Amino acid sequence: MTTPEIEVVIPLYDRFTALDVVGPYQMLALTPGVHVVFAAERAGLVRDDCRALQLPAVGFGEAPRPDVVVVPGGPGTVHVLEGTLTDWLREVHATTRWTTSVCSGSLILGAAGLIKGLRATTHYRHLDKLPVFGAVPAQERVVVEEEARIVTAAGVSSGIDMALRLVELLTDTRTAQAVQLWAEYDPRPPFDAGSPARAPEDVVELAAEYEAAALEAATRGR
């Protein structure tokens, strides 16, 4: 008997952050029995925040009952806090096994009303926005709210950690470990600057400047 596939849908929108999408995609797509689909408000190519990567997506109407949703973040988040994406999320969450987010994608979950009263995380620059949506900010890399079927991840690269945790939740620890090993995900970064708690103050300021420039470009639609 063939094992039914687990359908994972990653919703895309203009100016998503590439690693928010590609990191979880790689971990989940390597998992036996998992099928990953990109979806968007309209079928077609959707561009990332650096404007160099385009991914093909089906329309939301072609992904009506996903088992899992992974919502990425990015400078384009500000433009999708209301509208088709949040409406779709509210509808599909009723039947998902897990609804998840990476980075500022948790703000989209918040706008859809899915994290009210829950602990949640996001990119460190956006933690203070979570209470606006009734969530309790958690300075953790991955936060699992099992009863609510919600998983949130902190900034960008933490989406890989979240996806491996998700693989474990969908299958088992051994499978998740095998996926991690196949991907050789054994990070040993050259700098100890991956957290605002450890990065030099001038580096924190420079990172904030980079984000501000990205948000300004997204607002101008460039």
Protein backbone atom coordinates (compact mmCIF):
# COMPACT_ATOMS: atom_id res chain seq x y z
CA MET A 1 0.00 0.00 0.00
CA THR A 2 1.34 3.43 -0.96
CA THR A 3 1.73 5.87 1.92
CA PRO A 4 -0.35 9.01 1.26
CA GLU A 5 1.75 12.10 0.67
CA ILE A 6 1.85 14.90 3.19
CA GLU A 7 1.20 18.11 1.28
CA VAL A 8 3.20 21.11 2.46
CA VAL A 9 2.22 24.46 0.99
CA ILE A 10 4.59 27.42 1.15
CA PRO A 11 2.66 30.60 0.29
CA LEU A 12 4.67 33.16 -1.65
CA TYR A 13 4.23 36.89 -2.05
CA ASP A 14 6.29 39.61 -3.68
CA ARG A 15 9.57 40.26 -1.81
CA PHE A 16 9.66 37.12 0.31
CA THR A 17 13.09 36.31 1.78
CA ALA A 18 14.64 33.47 -0.19
CA LEU A 19 16.16 31.46 2.67
CA ASP A 20 12.86 31.61 4.59
CA VAL A 21 11.46 29.57 1.72
CA VAL A 22 14.38 27.53 0.40
CA GLY A 23 15.69 26.40 3.81
CA PRO A 24 12.44 24.75 4.95
CA TYR A 25 11.73 23.58 1.41
CA GLN A 26 15.01 21.67 1.24
CA MET A 27 14.48 19.90 4.57
CA LEU A 28 10.85 19.03 3.88
CA ALA A 29 11.33 18.05 0.24
CA LEU A 30 14.02 15.57 1.32
CA THR A 31 11.55 13.88 3.67
CA PRO A 32 9.97 10.68 2.33
CA GLY A 33 6.23 11.03 1.81
CA VAL A 34 6.28 14.83 1.75
CA HIS A 35 5.27 16.87 -1.30
CA VAL A 36 5.96 20.62 -1.30
CA VAL A 37 3.89 23.10 -3.30
CA PHE A 38 4.42 26.84 -3.75
CA ALA A 39 1.18 28.85 -3.85
CA ALA A 40 0.33 32.52 -4.27
CA GLU A 41 -2.62 34.84 -4.76
CA ARG A 42 -2.20 34.42 -8.51
CA ALA A 43 -0.50 31.55 -10.31
CA GLY A 44 2.84 32.44 -11.87
CA LEU A 45 6.33 33.52 -10.93
CA VAL A 46 6.90 35.31 -7.61
CA ARG A 47 10.10 37.29 -6.95
CA ASP A 48 12.15 37.38 -3.77
CA ASP A 49 13.39 40.45 -1.90
CA CYS A 50 16.68 40.56 -3.78
CA ARG A 51 14.76 40.51 -7.09
CA ALA A 52 17.05 37.79 -8.50
CA LEU A 53 15.08 34.65 -7.62
CA GLN A 54 11.69 33.78 -9.08
CA LEU A 55 9.69 30.75 -7.99
CA PRO A 56 6.65 29.31 -9.79
CA ALA A 57 3.45 29.14 -7.75
CA VAL A 58 -0.03 27.76 -8.23
CA GLY A 59 -3.00 29.84 -7.17
CA PHE A 60 -4.37 29.48 -3.64
CA GLY A 61 -7.47 27.88 -5.12
CA GLU A 62 -5.32 24.93 -6.20
CA ALA A 63 -4.12 24.35 -2.63
CA PRO A 64 -7.34 24.23 -0.61
CA ARG A 65 -6.46 21.57 2.00
CA PRO A 66 -2.73 21.46 2.81
CA ASP A 67 -1.53 19.26 5.63
CA VAL A 68 1.14 21.79 6.54
CA VAL A 69 1.63 25.48 5.78
CA VAL A 70 4.99 27.28 6.05
CA VAL A 71 4.64 31.06 5.84
CA PRO A 72 7.91 32.87 5.01
CA GLY A 73 8.87 36.37 6.00
CA GLY A 74 10.47 39.20 4.08
CA PRO A 75 10.20 42.92 3.35
CA GLY A 76 6.97 42.22 1.47
CA THR A 77 5.25 41.11 4.68
CA VAL A 78 3.90 44.61 5.27
CA HIS A 79 1.84 44.40 2.07
CA VAL A 80 0.07 41.11 2.84
CA LEU A 81 -1.10 41.57 6.42
CA GLU A 82 -4.60 42.00 5.05
CA GLY A 83 -6.19 40.39 2.03
CA THR A 84 -6.10 37.11 0.16
CA LEU A 85 -3.21 35.45 1.99
CA THR A 86 -4.57 35.98 5.49
CA ASP A 87 -8.06 34.96 4.35
CA TRP A 88 -6.61 31.75 2.86
CA LEU A 89 -4.64 31.05 6.04
CA ARG A 90 -7.71 31.37 8.24
CA GLU A 91 -9.59 28.97 6.00
CA VAL A 92 -6.92 26.26 5.62
CA HIS A 93 -5.78 26.35 9.25
CA ALA A 94 -9.07 24.70 10.20
CA THR A 95 -7.81 21.43 8.70
CA THR A 96 -3.99 21.65 8.72
CA ARG A 97 -1.89 19.38 10.87
CA TRP A 98 0.56 22.25 11.42
CA THR A 99 0.53 25.91 10.44
CA THR A 100 4.00 27.41 10.71
CA SER A 101 6.04 30.51 9.96
CA VAL A 102 9.58 31.74 9.53
CA CYS A 103 10.85 35.20 10.46
CA SER A 104 8.25 37.96 9.96
CA GLY A 105 5.88 35.33 8.60
CA SER A 106 4.60 35.08 12.18
CA LEU A 107 3.18 38.58 11.78
CA ILE A 108 1.12 37.24 8.88
CA LEU A 109 -0.13 34.44 11.14
CA GLY A 110 -0.94 37.14 13.66
CA ALA A 111 -2.87 39.19 11.14
CA ALA A 112 -4.85 36.05 10.34
CA GLY A 113 -5.72 35.73 14.03
CA LEU A 114 -3.86 32.47 14.51
CA ILE A 115 -1.41 33.29 17.33
CA LYS A 116 -3.60 35.22 19.76
CA GLY A 117 -2.79 34.09 23.29
CA LEU A 118 0.11 31.92 22.12
CA ARG A 119 3.84 32.10 22.64
CA ALA A 120 5.51 32.94 19.35
CA THR A 121 8.82 34.06 17.93
CA THR A 122 9.99 36.00 14.91
CA HIS A 123 13.02 37.95 13.67
CA TYR A 124 14.57 39.81 16.60
CA ARG A 125 13.75 43.14 14.94
CA HIS A 126 10.03 42.31 15.00
CA LEU A 127 9.53 40.66 18.40
CA ASP A 128 7.97 43.84 19.77
CA LYS A 129 5.22 43.64 17.14
CA LEU A 130 3.87 40.26 18.28
CA PRO A 131 1.79 41.70 21.19
CA VAL A 132 -0.14 43.75 18.61
CA PHE A 133 -1.60 40.41 17.50
CA GLY A 134 -2.16 39.17 21.05
CA ALA A 135 0.87 36.87 21.04
CA VAL A 136 3.47 36.47 23.77
CA PRO A 137 6.98 37.14 22.39
CA ALA A 138 9.52 34.37 23.00
CA GLN A 139 13.20 34.91 22.33
CA GLU A 140 13.69 31.36 21.12
CA ARG A 141 14.78 29.91 17.79
CA VAL A 142 11.70 27.69 17.41
CA VAL A 143 8.46 27.77 19.39
CA VAL A 144 5.99 24.87 19.20
CA GLU A 145 2.40 25.34 20.42
CA GLU A 146 1.15 21.78 20.06
CA GLU A 147 -2.50 22.21 21.06
CA ALA A 148 -2.89 25.13 18.66
CA ARG A 149 -0.93 23.31 15.91
CA ILE A 150 1.27 26.39 15.44
CA VAL A 151 5.06 26.49 15.06
CA THR A 152 6.98 29.74 14.68
CA ALA A 153 10.65 30.29 13.92
CA ALA A 154 12.91 33.27 14.52
CA GLY A 155 14.83 35.03 11.76
CA VAL A 156 15.66 33.57 8.34
CA SER A 157 18.12 30.70 8.97
CA SER A 158 16.06 29.43 11.91
CA GLY A 159 13.57 28.20 9.34
CA ILE A 160 15.91 25.24 8.78
CA ASP A 161 15.75 24.36 12.48
CA MET A 162 11.98 24.75 12.43
CA ALA A 163 11.63 22.52 9.38
CA LEU A 164 13.69 19.75 10.99
CA ARG A 165 11.50 19.95 14.09
CA LEU A 166 8.50 19.78 11.78
CA VAL A 167 9.92 16.69 10.07
CA GLU A 168 10.15 15.08 13.50
CA LEU A 169 6.56 16.01 14.32
CA LEU A 170 5.33 14.64 10.99
CA THR A 171 7.43 11.45 11.05
CA ASP A 172 9.89 10.57 13.82
CA THR A 173 13.21 11.63 15.33
CA ARG A 174 15.25 9.15 13.29
CA THR A 175 13.88 10.45 10.00
CA ALA A 176 14.53 14.05 11.04
CA GLN A 177 18.09 13.16 11.98
CA ALA A 178 18.63 11.43 8.64
CA VAL A 179 17.37 14.49 6.77
CA GLN A 180 19.67 16.71 8.82
CA LEU A 181 22.63 14.46 8.06
CA TRP A 182 21.82 14.20 4.34
CA ALA A 183 21.77 18.00 4.20
CA GLU A 184 24.93 18.05 6.34
CA TYR A 185 23.33 20.73 8.46
CA ASP A 186 26.07 21.14 11.06
CA PRO A 187 26.47 24.92 11.28
CA ARG A 188 29.73 26.35 12.52
CA PRO A 189 29.62 29.99 11.40
CA PRO A 190 32.85 31.95 11.02
CA PHE A 191 31.59 34.73 13.30
CA ASP A 192 29.73 34.75 16.61
CA ALA A 193 27.42 37.51 15.44
CA GLY A 194 24.21 35.60 14.74
CA SER A 195 22.32 37.08 17.70
CA PRO A 196 21.88 40.71 18.77
CA ALA A 197 22.90 39.58 22.24
CA ARG A 198 26.38 38.66 20.99
CA ALA A 199 26.97 40.84 17.93
CA PRO A 200 28.99 44.07 18.38
CA GLU A 201 26.81 47.16 18.74
CA ASP A 202 28.00 48.69 15.47
CA VAL A 203 27.11 45.43 13.66
CA VAL A 204 23.60 45.50 15.16
CA GLU A 205 23.23 49.07 13.90
CA LEU A 206 24.50 48.14 10.44
CA ALA A 207 22.08 45.22 10.19
CA ALA A 208 19.25 47.59 11.11
CA GLU A 209 20.32 49.91 8.29
CA TYR A 210 20.25 47.02 5.83
CA GLU A 211 16.74 46.06 6.91
CA ALA A 212 15.51 49.65 6.72
CA ALA A 213 16.81 49.95 3.17
CA ALA A 214 15.08 46.70 2.18
CA LEU A 215 11.78 47.84 3.69
CA GLU A 216 12.04 51.21 1.97
CA ALA A 217 12.63 49.52 -1.38
CA ALA A 218 9.64 47.23 -0.79
CA THR A 219 7.42 50.18 0.11
CA ARG A 220 8.46 51.97 -3.07
CA GLY A 221 7.79 48.78 -5.02
CA ARG A 222 11.30 48.64 -6.43
